[in-house]
Amino acid sequence: DEAAAMRLLLEYMDDDRFERVIVDTAPTGHTLRLLELPELLDSMMGRLLKLRQRLSGLFDSLPFGGDEEQGADMADLEVLRERIERLRAVLRDPAMTDFRIVMVPEELSVMESQRLLDRLETFGVPVETVVVNRVMQDLTDVADVESDWSVSPDLDDCEFCQRRWQVQQQALKEAQDLFRGHDVKRVPLFADEVRGENLLRVVAACLD
């Protein structure tokens, strides 16, 4: 799956139809495997090229795999290696890549996001924004948008809402401390599923 995703990303990078490519990554484990793939493939390419060079004399003595065919294979490997190196450079370039971590305000999610951030920094992938999603907060506290249609959690009379808000407040405090130096954005918990242009614009306003 990770190799297929990386191949598509390479294709989109070279497609003039797209000005920006947005990748909605899978959970943390899959995302890290995806980011490790360029390093893994580059290592594999290097080993394959060395193996081909060592066995070139053997191939010459066999009734198949002539110089022309071997040369084409080597050229294909070199092209793939160059594209992998280019992808790695793009992923590390803050002018071209912005990785945004999205989490929910719960302790486990905060810890998982911290692990992801540490690994991204190891890979050299720039992270500017951390998004905390589904926060039980009034929309007007998060973004400058009209909220006549918005339904907020009842933190005054709903005991369930109050207890959940206490849990979220602790997680939000941990997130602010752990991700200091990054832009931490909040998106409120909506009563309705986020679908359609109007709600997407509201979410965009929260992230602005």
C-alpha atoms as a PDB file:
ATOM      1  CA  ASP A   1       0.000   0.000   0.000  1.00  0.00           C
ATOM      2  CA  GLU A   2       2.761   2.435   0.940  1.00  0.00           C
ATOM      3  CA  ALA A   3       4.691   1.721  -2.276  1.00  0.00           C
ATOM      4  CA  ALA A   4       1.557   2.262  -4.383  1.00  0.00           C
ATOM      5  CA  ALA A   5       0.853   5.561  -2.606  1.00  0.00           C
ATOM      6  CA  MET A   6       4.421   6.727  -3.121  1.00  0.00           C
ATOM      7  CA  ARG A   7       4.276   5.818  -6.813  1.00  0.00           C
ATOM      8  CA  LEU A   8       1.102   7.888  -7.254  1.00  0.00           C
ATOM      9  CA  LEU A   9       2.647  10.799  -5.381  1.00  0.00           C
ATOM     10  CA  LEU A  10       5.639  10.703  -7.718  1.00  0.00           C
ATOM     11  CA  GLU A  11       3.284  10.752 -10.700  1.00  0.00           C
ATOM     12  CA  TYR A  12       1.278  13.697  -9.345  1.00  0.00           C
ATOM     13  CA  MET A  13       4.463  15.662  -8.679  1.00  0.00           C
ATOM     14  CA  ASP A  14       5.327  15.439 -12.363  1.00  0.00           C
ATOM     15  CA  ASP A  15       1.794  16.257 -13.575  1.00  0.00           C
ATOM     16  CA  ASP A  16       1.452  19.883 -14.731  1.00  0.00           C
ATOM     17  CA  ARG A  17      -2.309  19.798 -14.076  1.00  0.00           C
ATOM     18  CA  PHE A  18      -1.784  20.021 -10.320  1.00  0.00           C
ATOM     19  CA  GLU A  19      -0.492  23.031  -8.414  1.00  0.00           C
ATOM     20  CA  ARG A  20      -0.840  21.329  -5.031  1.00  0.00           C
ATOM     21  CA  VAL A  21      -1.107  17.706  -3.936  1.00  0.00           C
ATOM     22  CA  ILE A  22      -2.905  16.980  -0.651  1.00  0.00           C
ATOM     23  CA  VAL A  23      -2.310  13.581   0.919  1.00  0.00           C
ATOM     24  CA  ASP A  24      -4.751  12.478   3.632  1.00  0.00           C
ATOM     25  CA  THR A  25      -2.520   9.964   5.358  1.00  0.00           C
ATOM     26  CA  ALA A  26      -3.569   6.867   7.262  1.00  0.00           C
ATOM     27  CA  PRO A  27      -3.001   6.504  11.037  1.00  0.00           C
ATOM     28  CA  THR A  28       0.443   7.049  12.491  1.00  0.00           C
ATOM     29  CA  GLY A  29       1.951   3.614  11.819  1.00  0.00           C
ATOM     30  CA  HIS A  30       1.036   3.625   8.125  1.00  0.00           C
ATOM     31  CA  THR A  31       2.172   7.227   7.755  1.00  0.00           C
ATOM     32  CA  LEU A  32       5.594   6.477   9.202  1.00  0.00           C
ATOM     33  CA  ARG A  33       6.009   3.474   6.902  1.00  0.00           C
ATOM     34  CA  LEU A  34       5.091   5.717   3.972  1.00  0.00           C
ATOM     35  CA  LEU A  35       7.727   8.262   4.967  1.00  0.00           C
ATOM     36  CA  GLU A  36      10.341   5.552   5.512  1.00  0.00           C
ATOM     37  CA  LEU A  37       9.768   4.200   2.015  1.00  0.00           C
ATOM     38  CA  PRO A  38      12.079   6.599   0.120  1.00  0.00           C
ATOM     39  CA  GLU A  39      14.977   5.645   2.403  1.00  0.00           C
ATOM     40  CA  LEU A  40      14.166   1.941   2.030  1.00  0.00           C
ATOM     41  CA  LEU A  41      13.799   2.114  -1.742  1.00  0.00           C
ATOM     42  CA  ASP A  42      16.956   4.156  -2.110  1.00  0.00           C
ATOM     43  CA  SER A  43      18.873   1.536  -0.137  1.00  0.00           C
ATOM     44  CA  MET A  44      17.356  -1.231  -2.264  1.00  0.00           C
ATOM     45  CA  MET A  45      18.194   0.624  -5.484  1.00  0.00           C
ATOM     46  CA  GLY A  46      21.805   0.977  -4.398  1.00  0.00           C
ATOM     47  CA  ARG A  47      22.082  -2.733  -3.643  1.00  0.00           C
ATOM     48  CA  LEU A  48      20.434  -3.716  -6.914  1.00  0.00           C
ATOM     49  CA  LEU A  49      22.747  -1.484  -8.934  1.00  0.00           C
ATOM     50  CA  LYS A  50      25.818  -2.913  -7.205  1.00  0.00           C
ATOM     51  CA  LEU A  51      24.548  -6.460  -7.785  1.00  0.00           C
ATOM     52  CA  ARG A  52      23.953  -5.785 -11.479  1.00  0.00           C
ATOM     53  CA  GLN A  53      27.462  -4.394 -11.839  1.00  0.00           C
ATOM     54  CA  ARG A  54      29.009  -7.397 -10.110  1.00  0.00           C
ATOM     55  CA  LEU A  55      27.084  -9.887 -12.235  1.00  0.00           C
ATOM     56  CA  SER A  56      27.489  -8.044 -15.530  1.00  0.00           C
ATOM     57  CA  GLY A  57      30.289 -10.380 -16.634  1.00  0.00           C
ATOM     58  CA  LEU A  58      28.164 -13.435 -15.850  1.00  0.00           C
ATOM     59  CA  PHE A  59      25.242 -12.078 -17.870  1.00  0.00           C
ATOM     60  CA  ASP A  60      27.540 -11.494 -20.835  1.00  0.00           C
ATOM     61  CA  SER A  61      28.379 -15.214 -20.956  1.00  0.00           C
ATOM     62  CA  LEU A  62      24.711 -16.289 -20.918  1.00  0.00           C
ATOM     63  CA  PRO A  63      22.559 -16.671 -24.063  1.00  0.00           C
ATOM     64  CA  PHE A  64      20.166 -13.952 -22.819  1.00  0.00           C
ATOM     65  CA  GLY A  65      20.294 -10.563 -21.183  1.00  0.00           C
ATOM     66  CA  GLY A  66      22.622  -8.805 -23.628  1.00  0.00           C
ATOM     67  CA  ASP A  67      24.347  -5.476 -23.058  1.00  0.00           C
ATOM     68  CA  GLU A  68      21.470  -3.490 -24.585  1.00  0.00           C
ATOM     69  CA  GLU A  69      18.828  -5.087 -22.340  1.00  0.00           C
ATOM     70  CA  GLN A  70      21.014  -4.778 -19.246  1.00  0.00           C
ATOM     71  CA  GLY A  71      21.701  -1.149 -20.078  1.00  0.00           C
ATOM     72  CA  ALA A  72      17.986  -0.415 -20.318  1.00  0.00           C
ATOM     73  CA  ASP A  73      17.374  -2.092 -16.958  1.00  0.00           C
ATOM     74  CA  MET A  74      20.172  -0.120 -15.335  1.00  0.00           C
ATOM     75  CA  ALA A  75      18.840   3.118 -16.811  1.00  0.00           C
ATOM     76  CA  ASP A  76      15.360   2.389 -15.442  1.00  0.00           C
ATOM     77  CA  LEU A  77      16.792   1.799 -11.982  1.00  0.00           C
ATOM     78  CA  GLU A  78      18.779   5.032 -12.147  1.00  0.00           C
ATOM     79  CA  VAL A  79      15.683   6.995 -13.197  1.00  0.00           C
ATOM     80  CA  LEU A  80      13.688   5.532 -10.312  1.00  0.00           C
ATOM     81  CA  ARG A  81      16.502   6.322  -7.916  1.00  0.00           C
ATOM     82  CA  GLU A  82      16.610   9.941  -9.103  1.00  0.00           C
ATOM     83  CA  ARG A  83      12.838  10.310  -8.671  1.00  0.00           C
ATOM     84  CA  ILE A  84      13.026   8.873  -5.158  1.00  0.00           C
ATOM     85  CA  GLU A  85      15.779  11.342  -4.294  1.00  0.00           C
ATOM     86  CA  ARG A  86      13.695  14.170  -5.707  1.00  0.00           C
ATOM     87  CA  LEU A  87      10.682  13.084  -3.667  1.00  0.00           C
ATOM     88  CA  ARG A  88      12.811  12.954  -0.523  1.00  0.00           C
ATOM     89  CA  ALA A  89      14.056  16.488  -1.214  1.00  0.00           C
ATOM     90  CA  VAL A  90      10.496  17.742  -1.750  1.00  0.00           C
ATOM     91  CA  LEU A  91       9.265  16.177   1.500  1.00  0.00           C
ATOM     92  CA  ARG A  92      12.047  17.958   3.394  1.00  0.00           C
ATOM     93  CA  ASP A  93      11.595  21.345   1.721  1.00  0.00           C
ATOM     94  CA  PRO A  94       9.432  23.690   3.873  1.00  0.00           C
ATOM     95  CA  ALA A  95       8.724  25.795   0.783  1.00  0.00           C
ATOM     96  CA  MET A  96       7.042  22.793  -0.869  1.00  0.00           C
ATOM     97  CA  THR A  97       5.789  20.572   1.976  1.00  0.00           C
ATOM     98  CA  ASP A  98       3.696  21.298   5.051  1.00  0.00           C
ATOM     99  CA  PHE A  99       2.794  18.247   7.115  1.00  0.00           C
ATOM    100  CA  ARG A 100      -0.186  18.957   9.398  1.00  0.00           C
ATOM    101  CA  ILE A 101      -0.795  16.669  12.345  1.00  0.00           C
ATOM    102  CA  VAL A 102      -4.490  16.165  13.187  1.00  0.00           C
ATOM    103  CA  MET A 103      -5.480  14.818  16.596  1.00  0.00           C
ATOM    104  CA  VAL A 104      -8.442  14.726  18.975  1.00  0.00           C
ATOM    105  CA  PRO A 105      -8.282  16.165  22.514  1.00  0.00           C
ATOM    106  CA  GLU A 106      -7.611  12.920  24.366  1.00  0.00           C
ATOM    107  CA  GLU A 107      -4.457  11.833  26.158  1.00  0.00           C
ATOM    108  CA  LEU A 108      -3.731   8.824  23.931  1.00  0.00           C
ATOM    109  CA  SER A 109      -4.108  10.905  20.773  1.00  0.00           C
ATOM    110  CA  VAL A 110      -1.766  13.554  22.183  1.00  0.00           C
ATOM    111  CA  MET A 111       0.886  10.902  22.925  1.00  0.00           C
ATOM    112  CA  GLU A 112       0.513   9.355  19.461  1.00  0.00           C
ATOM    113  CA  SER A 113       0.808  12.763  17.831  1.00  0.00           C
ATOM    114  CA  GLN A 114       3.945  13.508  19.824  1.00  0.00           C
ATOM    115  CA  ARG A 115       5.476  10.240  18.582  1.00  0.00           C
ATOM    116  CA  LEU A 116       4.592  11.192  15.026  1.00  0.00           C
ATOM    117  CA  LEU A 117       6.117  14.651  15.421  1.00  0.00           C
ATOM    118  CA  ASP A 118       9.356  13.182  16.781  1.00  0.00           C
ATOM    119  CA  ARG A 119       9.653  10.819  13.806  1.00  0.00           C
ATOM    120  CA  LEU A 120       8.821  13.573  11.311  1.00  0.00           C
ATOM    121  CA  GLU A 121      11.594  15.699  12.769  1.00  0.00           C
ATOM    122  CA  THR A 122      13.933  12.706  12.413  1.00  0.00           C
ATOM    123  CA  PHE A 123      13.011  12.459   8.724  1.00  0.00           C
ATOM    124  CA  GLY A 124      13.456  16.214   8.320  1.00  0.00           C
ATOM    125  CA  VAL A 125       9.806  16.689   7.260  1.00  0.00           C
ATOM    126  CA  PRO A 126       8.578  20.185   8.221  1.00  0.00           C
ATOM    127  CA  VAL A 127       5.564  20.436  10.556  1.00  0.00           C
ATOM    128  CA  GLU A 128       4.124  23.903  11.086  1.00  0.00           C
ATOM    129  CA  THR A 129       0.543  23.219  12.190  1.00  0.00           C
ATOM    130  CA  VAL A 130      -1.090  20.866  14.695  1.00  0.00           C
ATOM    131  CA  VAL A 131      -4.891  20.628  14.407  1.00  0.00           C
ATOM    132  CA  VAL A 132      -6.973  19.577  17.410  1.00  0.00           C
ATOM    133  CA  ASN A 133     -10.280  18.328  16.046  1.00  0.00           C
ATOM    134  CA  ARG A 134     -13.693  17.830  17.734  1.00  0.00           C
ATOM    135  CA  VAL A 135     -13.132  20.262  20.584  1.00  0.00           C
ATOM    136  CA  MET A 136     -16.260  20.821  22.706  1.00  0.00           C
ATOM    137  CA  GLN A 137     -16.053  24.556  22.352  1.00  0.00           C
ATOM    138  CA  ASP A 138     -18.363  27.202  20.919  1.00  0.00           C
ATOM    139  CA  LEU A 139     -17.604  27.982  17.278  1.00  0.00           C
ATOM    140  CA  THR A 140     -17.299  31.713  17.985  1.00  0.00           C
ATOM    141  CA  ASP A 141     -14.468  30.970  20.443  1.00  0.00           C
ATOM    142  CA  VAL A 142     -12.493  29.345  17.642  1.00  0.00           C
ATOM    143  CA  ALA A 143     -13.253  31.318  14.474  1.00  0.00           C
ATOM    144  CA  ASP A 144     -14.791  34.623  13.439  1.00  0.00           C
ATOM    145  CA  VAL A 145     -17.861  33.181  11.729  1.00  0.00           C
ATOM    146  CA  GLU A 146     -21.615  33.367  12.190  1.00  0.00           C
ATOM    147  CA  SER A 147     -22.964  30.645  14.479  1.00  0.00           C
ATOM    148  CA  ASP A 148     -26.752  31.076  14.359  1.00  0.00           C
ATOM    149  CA  TRP A 149     -27.049  27.614  12.847  1.00  0.00           C
ATOM    150  CA  SER A 150     -24.401  26.029  15.084  1.00  0.00           C
ATOM    151  CA  VAL A 151     -25.313  23.877  18.109  1.00  0.00           C
ATOM    152  CA  SER A 152     -22.735  23.880  20.903  1.00  0.00           C
ATOM    153  CA  PRO A 153     -22.371  21.388  23.787  1.00  0.00           C
ATOM    154  CA  ASP A 154     -24.293  22.423  26.915  1.00  0.00           C
ATOM    155  CA  LEU A 155     -21.476  22.911  29.407  1.00  0.00           C
ATOM    156  CA  ASP A 156     -23.807  24.466  32.004  1.00  0.00           C
ATOM    157  CA  ASP A 157     -26.434  21.780  32.555  1.00  0.00           C
ATOM    158  CA  CYS A 158     -25.142  18.644  30.831  1.00  0.00           C
ATOM    159  CA  GLU A 159     -23.015  16.577  33.237  1.00  0.00           C
ATOM    160  CA  PHE A 160     -21.734  14.352  30.422  1.00  0.00           C
ATOM    161  CA  CYS A 161     -20.615  17.415  28.443  1.00  0.00           C
ATOM    162  CA  GLN A 162     -18.931  18.889  31.520  1.00  0.00           C
ATOM    163  CA  ARG A 163     -16.936  15.735  32.248  1.00  0.00           C
ATOM    164  CA  ARG A 164     -15.892  15.321  28.647  1.00  0.00           C
ATOM    165  CA  TRP A 165     -14.829  18.981  28.562  1.00  0.00           C
ATOM    166  CA  GLN A 166     -12.637  18.390  31.627  1.00  0.00           C
ATOM    167  CA  VAL A 167     -10.935  15.512  29.811  1.00  0.00           C
ATOM    168  CA  GLN A 168     -10.455  17.670  26.724  1.00  0.00           C
ATOM    169  CA  GLN A 169      -9.097  20.625  28.679  1.00  0.00           C
ATOM    170  CA  GLN A 170      -6.342  18.458  30.165  1.00  0.00           C
ATOM    171  CA  ALA A 171      -5.465  17.084  26.730  1.00  0.00           C
ATOM    172  CA  LEU A 172      -5.474  20.586  25.222  1.00  0.00           C
ATOM    173  CA  LYS A 173      -3.095  21.800  27.932  1.00  0.00           C
ATOM    174  CA  GLU A 174      -0.740  18.881  27.230  1.00  0.00           C
ATOM    175  CA  ALA A 175      -0.910  19.580  23.503  1.00  0.00           C
ATOM    176  CA  GLN A 176      -0.069  23.259  23.996  1.00  0.00           C
ATOM    177  CA  ASP A 177       2.950  22.294  26.112  1.00  0.00           C
ATOM    178  CA  LEU A 178       4.200  19.469  23.875  1.00  0.00           C
ATOM    179  CA  PHE A 179       3.752  21.292  20.583  1.00  0.00           C
ATOM    180  CA  ARG A 180       5.179  24.603  21.725  1.00  0.00           C
ATOM    181  CA  GLY A 181       6.690  26.377  18.725  1.00  0.00           C
ATOM    182  CA  HIS A 182       4.032  24.971  16.386  1.00  0.00           C
ATOM    183  CA  ASP A 183       0.775  26.627  15.393  1.00  0.00           C
ATOM    184  CA  VAL A 184      -1.912  24.717  17.325  1.00  0.00           C
ATOM    185  CA  LYS A 185      -5.360  25.175  15.762  1.00  0.00           C
ATOM    186  CA  ARG A 186      -8.723  24.055  17.139  1.00  0.00           C
ATOM    187  CA  VAL A 187     -11.744  22.806  15.208  1.00  0.00           C
ATOM    188  CA  PRO A 188     -14.941  22.492  17.284  1.00  0.00           C
ATOM    189  CA  LEU A 189     -17.124  19.428  17.557  1.00  0.00           C
ATOM    190  CA  PHE A 190     -20.029  19.966  15.160  1.00  0.00           C
ATOM    191  CA  ALA A 191     -23.490  18.526  15.712  1.00  0.00           C
ATOM    192  CA  ASP A 192     -23.647  17.710  12.003  1.00  0.00           C
ATOM    193  CA  GLU A 193     -21.228  15.769   9.845  1.00  0.00           C
ATOM    194  CA  VAL A 194     -18.831  18.043   7.986  1.00  0.00           C
ATOM    195  CA  ARG A 195     -20.098  17.815   4.432  1.00  0.00           C
ATOM    196  CA  GLY A 196     -20.763  20.376   1.752  1.00  0.00           C
ATOM    197  CA  GLU A 197     -19.108  23.649   0.843  1.00  0.00           C
ATOM    198  CA  ASN A 198     -20.584  25.716   3.705  1.00  0.00           C
ATOM    199  CA  LEU A 199     -19.274  23.559   6.541  1.00  0.00           C
ATOM    200  CA  LEU A 200     -15.944  23.112   4.788  1.00  0.00           C
ATOM    201  CA  ARG A 201     -15.607  26.888   4.669  1.00  0.00           C
ATOM    202  CA  VAL A 202     -16.311  27.024   8.405  1.00  0.00           C
ATOM    203  CA  VAL A 203     -13.559  24.469   9.059  1.00  0.00           C
ATOM    204  CA  ALA A 204     -11.223  26.477   6.801  1.00  0.00           C
ATOM    205  CA  ALA A 205     -11.990  29.582   8.889  1.00  0.00           C
ATOM    206  CA  CYS A 206     -10.992  27.671  12.029  1.00  0.00           C
ATOM    207  CA  LEU A 207      -7.669  26.796  10.411  1.00  0.00           C
ATOM    208  CA  ASP A 208      -6.993  30.260   9.027  1.00  0.00           C
END
